[in-house]
Protein backbone atom coordinates (compact mmCIF):
# COMPACT_ATOMS: atom_id res chain seq x y z
CA MET A 1 116.79 68.01 107.00
CA ASP A 2 113.77 68.57 104.79
CA LEU A 3 112.34 71.29 102.56
CA LYS A 4 109.77 72.35 105.17
CA GLN A 5 112.60 73.30 107.54
CA LEU A 6 114.33 75.33 104.84
CA LYS A 7 111.08 77.07 103.91
CA SER A 8 110.53 78.00 107.55
CA LEU A 9 114.09 79.33 107.79
CA ILE A 10 113.72 81.51 104.71
CA SER A 11 110.27 82.75 105.69
CA VAL A 12 111.54 83.84 109.11
CA VAL A 13 114.43 85.72 107.49
CA GLU A 14 112.17 87.38 104.91
CA ASN A 15 109.76 88.48 107.63
CA ASN A 16 112.51 90.28 109.58
CA LEU A 17 112.81 87.45 112.13
CA ASN A 18 109.12 87.72 113.04
CA ILE A 19 108.01 84.12 113.59
CA SER A 20 104.34 85.08 113.81
CA GLN A 21 104.41 86.73 110.38
CA ALA A 22 106.39 83.81 108.95
CA ALA A 23 103.77 81.40 110.29
CA ASP A 24 101.00 83.42 108.61
CA GLN A 25 102.91 83.37 105.34
CA LEU A 26 103.35 79.57 105.55
CA HIS A 27 99.78 78.98 106.81
CA LEU A 28 101.14 77.35 109.97
CA VAL A 29 100.85 78.02 113.67
CA GLN A 30 103.73 79.90 115.28
CA SER A 31 104.87 76.91 117.35
CA ALA A 32 105.24 74.79 114.19
CA VAL A 33 107.64 77.30 112.62
CA SER A 34 109.67 77.50 115.84
CA GLN A 35 109.88 73.72 115.95
CA GLN A 36 111.06 73.55 112.33
CA ILE A 37 113.87 76.00 113.09
CA SER A 38 114.86 74.18 116.29
CA ARG A 39 114.91 70.77 114.56
CA LEU A 40 117.05 72.15 111.75
CA GLU A 41 119.55 73.60 114.23
CA GLU A 42 119.66 70.30 116.16
CA GLU A 43 120.14 68.29 112.98
CA ILE A 44 123.02 70.33 111.58
CA GLY A 45 124.57 71.04 114.97
CA VAL A 46 124.89 74.84 114.78
CA LYS A 47 122.84 77.84 115.84
CA LEU A 48 121.35 79.75 112.94
CA PHE A 49 120.14 82.73 114.97
CA ASN A 50 121.42 84.87 117.78
CA ARG A 51 118.78 85.07 120.50
CA LYS A 52 117.82 87.48 123.25
CA GLY A 53 115.69 85.33 125.50
CA LYS A 54 113.11 83.73 123.23
CA ARG A 55 113.38 86.49 120.64
CA LEU A 56 115.47 86.09 117.49
CA ALA A 57 118.02 88.90 117.32
CA GLY A 58 119.77 88.16 114.01
CA LEU A 59 121.46 85.51 111.91
CA THR A 60 124.75 84.05 113.07
CA PRO A 61 127.59 84.14 110.50
CA VAL A 62 127.07 80.46 109.71
CA GLY A 63 123.31 81.04 109.60
CA ASP A 64 123.84 83.70 106.95
CA GLU A 65 125.79 81.24 104.80
CA ILE A 66 123.20 78.51 105.25
CA VAL A 67 120.34 80.82 104.23
CA ALA A 68 122.10 81.45 100.90
CA TYR A 69 122.29 77.70 100.29
CA ALA A 70 118.70 77.23 101.45
CA TYR A 71 117.54 79.56 98.68
CA ARG A 72 119.54 77.56 96.15
CA THR A 73 118.19 74.25 97.44
CA LEU A 74 114.58 75.38 97.18
CA ALA A 75 115.22 76.80 93.71
CA ASN A 76 116.71 73.47 92.61
CA ALA A 77 113.76 71.60 94.10
CA ASN A 78 111.44 73.86 92.14
CA SER A 79 113.41 73.12 88.95
CA ILE A 80 112.85 69.40 89.54
CA LEU A 81 109.11 70.03 89.72
CA GLU A 82 109.25 72.19 86.61
CA ILE A 83 110.98 69.44 84.62
CA ALA A 84 108.24 67.03 85.62
CA HIS A 85 105.47 69.52 84.80
CA ASP A 86 107.01 70.15 81.38
CA HIS A 87 106.73 66.46 80.54
CA ILE A 88 103.21 66.13 81.94
CA ASN A 89 101.78 69.18 80.17
CA GLU A 90 103.94 71.94 78.74
CA PHE A 91 100.89 74.16 78.15
CA GLU A 92 99.94 74.51 81.81
CA GLY A 93 101.71 76.28 84.62
CA MET A 94 102.66 79.74 85.79
CA LEU A 95 104.97 82.46 84.51
CA ARG A 96 106.20 85.02 87.06
CA ILE A 97 107.63 88.21 85.58
CA GLY A 98 109.47 90.71 87.74
CA THR A 99 109.70 94.16 86.21
CA THR A 100 109.42 97.91 86.68
CA HIS A 101 106.38 100.08 86.02
CA THR A 102 107.82 101.33 82.73
CA GLN A 103 108.22 97.82 81.32
CA ALA A 104 104.87 96.60 82.66
CA GLN A 105 102.93 99.58 81.33
CA TYR A 106 104.60 100.38 78.02
CA ILE A 107 106.60 97.39 76.76
CA LEU A 108 105.03 94.16 77.97
CA PRO A 109 101.33 94.45 76.94
CA PRO A 110 101.76 93.21 73.33
CA VAL A 111 104.21 90.52 74.49
CA ILE A 112 101.80 89.34 77.19
CA LYS A 113 98.93 89.29 74.70
CA ALA A 114 100.88 87.20 72.18
CA PHE A 115 102.05 84.80 74.89
CA SER A 116 98.56 84.36 76.33
CA GLN A 117 97.19 83.51 72.90
CA GLU A 118 99.75 80.69 72.59
CA TYR A 119 99.51 79.54 76.20
CA PRO A 120 96.00 80.35 77.47
CA GLU A 121 96.33 77.88 80.36
CA VAL A 122 99.50 79.44 81.78
CA GLU A 123 98.81 81.91 84.57
CA LEU A 124 100.82 85.11 84.24
CA GLN A 125 101.94 87.09 87.27
CA ILE A 126 103.60 90.51 87.13
CA HIS A 127 105.66 91.46 90.19
CA GLN A 128 106.78 95.09 90.23
CA GLY A 129 109.78 96.42 92.12
CA THR A 130 113.00 98.37 91.97
CA PRO A 131 115.83 96.93 89.83
CA GLN A 132 117.68 95.80 92.97
CA GLN A 133 114.54 94.11 94.29
CA LEU A 134 114.10 92.36 90.94
CA VAL A 135 117.66 91.00 91.09
CA THR A 136 116.96 89.57 94.54
CA LYS A 137 113.66 88.07 93.40
CA ALA A 138 115.32 86.38 90.42
CA LEU A 139 118.17 85.03 92.55
CA HIS A 140 115.71 83.65 95.10
CA ASP A 141 113.49 82.15 92.38
CA GLU A 142 110.58 84.35 93.41
CA VAL A 143 110.20 85.33 89.75
CA ASP A 144 111.09 83.41 86.61
CA PHE A 145 112.38 86.47 84.76
CA ALA A 146 113.50 89.94 85.76
CA ILE A 147 113.17 92.68 83.15
CA CYS A 148 114.71 96.11 83.67
CA THR A 149 117.58 98.38 82.64
CA GLU A 150 119.65 98.68 85.81
CA ALA A 151 121.34 96.12 88.08
CA LEU A 152 120.78 92.83 86.22
CA SER A 153 124.26 92.56 84.69
CA GLU A 154 125.86 93.20 88.08
CA SER A 155 125.07 89.68 89.36
CA LYS A 156 127.28 86.80 88.20
CA ASP A 157 124.54 84.35 89.20
CA LEU A 158 122.07 85.61 86.60
CA VAL A 159 121.94 84.92 82.88
CA SER A 160 121.33 88.42 81.53
CA MET A 161 120.37 88.94 77.87
CA PRO A 162 120.28 92.39 76.21
CA SER A 163 116.88 92.87 74.61
CA TYR A 164 116.61 96.41 73.26
CA ASN A 165 118.14 99.89 73.45
CA TRP A 166 116.26 103.06 74.28
CA ASN A 167 116.94 106.71 74.93
CA ARG A 168 115.16 109.76 76.30
CA SER A 169 112.65 112.33 75.15
CA LEU A 170 111.57 115.72 76.42
CA ILE A 171 107.88 116.33 77.12
CA THR A 172 106.52 119.76 77.87
CA LEU A 173 103.46 121.95 77.58
CA LYS A 174 102.90 123.61 74.21
CA ASP A 175 103.63 127.08 75.56
CA SER A 176 107.00 126.19 77.09
CA ALA A 177 109.75 128.76 76.42
CA LEU A 178 112.16 125.87 75.85
CA LEU A 179 110.41 125.13 72.56
CA GLU A 180 111.42 128.54 71.21
CA SER A 181 114.99 127.23 70.83
CA ASP A 182 115.86 125.61 67.53
CA GLU A 183 118.17 123.22 69.35
CA ILE A 184 117.82 121.77 72.85
CA THR A 185 121.18 121.41 74.58
CA LEU A 186 122.13 120.11 78.00
CA GLU A 187 123.02 123.64 79.00
CA LYS A 188 119.58 125.00 78.03
CA LEU A 189 117.83 122.03 79.61
CA SER A 190 119.67 122.58 82.88
CA THR A 191 118.11 126.04 83.24
CA TYR A 192 114.56 124.64 83.40
CA PRO A 193 112.85 122.78 86.27
CA ILE A 194 112.88 119.08 85.38
CA VAL A 195 110.54 116.24 86.31
CA THR A 196 112.09 112.81 85.71
CA TYR A 197 112.76 109.36 87.18
CA VAL A 198 113.80 108.67 90.75
CA HIS A 199 117.25 107.24 91.53
CA GLY A 200 117.53 103.56 90.62
CA PHE A 201 114.90 103.65 87.87
CA THR A 202 114.91 104.05 84.10
CA GLY A 203 118.43 105.37 83.62
CA ARG A 204 118.50 108.06 86.28
CA GLU A 205 122.15 107.38 87.14
CA VAL A 206 123.24 107.83 83.50
CA PHE A 207 121.07 110.97 83.32
CA ASN A 208 122.91 112.46 86.31
CA GLU A 209 126.33 111.42 85.05
CA THR A 210 125.72 113.01 81.64
CA PHE A 211 125.06 116.41 83.21
CA LYS A 212 127.99 115.98 85.61
CA LYS A 213 130.43 115.27 82.76
CA ALA A 214 129.24 118.45 81.06
CA GLY A 215 129.89 120.44 84.24
CA LEU A 216 126.17 121.10 84.70
CA LYS A 217 123.62 120.47 87.44
CA PRO A 218 120.00 119.77 86.41
CA GLN A 219 117.20 121.41 88.38
CA ILE A 220 115.24 118.34 89.46
CA VAL A 221 112.02 119.56 91.07
CA LEU A 222 110.28 116.18 91.25
CA SER A 223 111.21 112.58 90.58
CA ALA A 224 109.08 109.43 90.40
CA ALA A 225 109.32 105.76 89.43
CA ASP A 226 106.08 105.98 87.44
CA THR A 227 106.14 107.70 84.03
CA ASP A 228 102.45 108.52 84.31
CA VAL A 229 103.19 110.49 87.49
CA ILE A 230 105.90 112.41 85.63
CA LYS A 231 103.42 113.28 82.88
CA THR A 232 100.84 114.42 85.43
CA TYR A 233 103.20 116.95 86.99
CA VAL A 234 104.43 118.20 83.63
CA ARG A 235 100.78 118.84 82.76
CA SER A 236 100.38 120.74 86.02
CA GLY A 237 103.13 123.14 84.89
CA MET A 238 105.68 122.04 87.47
CA GLY A 239 108.47 121.62 84.91
CA VAL A 240 109.57 119.94 81.71
CA GLY A 241 109.74 116.14 81.71
CA VAL A 242 112.53 113.80 80.66
CA ILE A 243 111.12 110.32 80.04
CA ALA A 244 112.05 107.09 78.27
CA ASN A 245 111.21 107.59 74.60
CA MET A 246 108.93 104.54 74.39
CA THR A 247 106.62 105.89 77.10
CA TYR A 248 105.10 108.69 75.03
CA VAL A 249 101.74 107.49 73.71
CA THR A 250 100.58 109.61 70.79
CA ASP A 251 96.83 109.09 71.33
CA LYS A 252 96.96 109.80 75.06
CA ASP A 253 99.75 112.37 75.26
CA SER A 254 98.95 114.65 72.32
CA ASP A 255 98.54 117.59 74.74
CA LEU A 256 102.28 117.35 75.46
CA VAL A 257 104.99 118.31 72.95
CA LEU A 258 107.64 115.64 72.35
CA ARG A 259 111.30 116.31 71.50
CA ASP A 260 113.92 113.62 70.98
CA LEU A 261 116.97 113.87 73.27
CA SER A 262 118.92 110.87 71.99
CA GLU A 263 121.79 113.09 70.80
CA LEU A 264 122.31 114.38 74.33
CA PHE A 265 122.36 111.14 76.33
CA PRO A 266 123.97 107.69 75.95
CA TRP A 267 121.67 104.86 74.87
CA GLU A 268 120.44 102.49 77.57
CA THR A 269 119.96 98.72 77.31
CA THR A 270 117.06 96.82 78.84
CA LYS A 271 117.74 93.17 79.68
CA ILE A 272 115.82 90.04 80.59
CA ALA A 273 117.48 87.80 83.16
CA TYR A 274 116.98 84.55 85.05
CA LYS A 275 118.89 82.48 87.59
CA LYS A 276 121.82 80.62 86.03
CA ASP A 277 120.95 77.12 87.20
CA LYS A 278 117.21 77.55 86.66
CA TYR A 279 115.42 75.01 84.48
CA LEU A 280 113.44 76.87 81.83
CA ARG A 281 110.19 75.28 80.82
CA ARG A 282 109.19 75.40 77.16
CA HIS A 283 106.65 78.15 77.71
CA GLN A 284 109.29 80.19 79.56
CA GLN A 285 111.74 79.80 76.68
CA ARG A 286 108.98 80.85 74.31
CA PHE A 287 108.32 83.98 76.36
CA ILE A 288 111.95 85.05 75.91
CA ASP A 289 111.62 84.60 72.14
CA LEU A 290 108.40 86.59 72.03
CA PHE A 291 109.78 89.34 74.25
CA GLN A 292 112.96 89.87 72.27
CA GLY A 293 111.14 89.65 68.94
CA SER A 294 108.20 91.84 69.86
CA VAL A 295 109.90 94.75 71.57
CA LEU A 296 112.00 95.65 68.55
CA LYS A 297 108.84 96.21 66.54
CA GLN A 298 107.84 99.00 68.91
CA GLU A 299 108.57 102.60 68.01
CA GLY A 300 111.71 104.15 69.47
CA LEU A 301 113.45 100.88 70.31
CA VAL A 302 116.53 99.54 68.53
CA ALA A 303 118.53 96.32 68.60
CA PRO A 304 121.19 96.06 71.33
């Protein structure tokens, strides 16, 4: 058994059992990937895939177990390389950050800038996805860190560190009737069309649960993963917006009126997480320090 066989196995699984696509991903010919899979099955003595003729139809139960260990083996092999690279030159390498649009657009820029000034020879990659996708990427060592609010603490195989707390704000056009009220309540808010985050992003589940506990149903007319999209449709007059408080930018959003909603909703906690058995290089450890130190200097964020 060798790492090439495990890489072929994982690539086939990640490409929905399409050997041709796996071969393209690995920069191999299709027959080479098929041979790697066949040799692995011969060596371990079990079938990893169910087959219909020559076509792969799905993982066998034992194949499913072996894929999980294949991911761990490749992650451990990568940690061995990282240890060596750290001793050769700690100032060179790559840092892969998995995060949502909100974090990438509104939280990470000053952190990235500070990190790049300290480590100019480290290539930074930002991989965006849903919180669940970020958990999977971190577990499979496809990113070094996952940063988001949802899902990270649900996995026992991730080290998950609270980094900052945030809440919500209302944004609306200056002529909105909602602004005529001295106090914005959940009940009043529920009578207006609302533009906010899609399920799975930026606290949407807590948003829904808060209204449900109050016996109310919000009128969601549009939802999106991207805060800038939410702002666009609020500007178009489609409804009032409920956004994460750190995503209002005074210079760019002065045409929208901002109202704090932190008394109406529970506070949320954004975390940074990485795989438990992952070796952290010095520049990766430094990124954690910079991230947790920098974010709390930003307006609207508080310590966890």
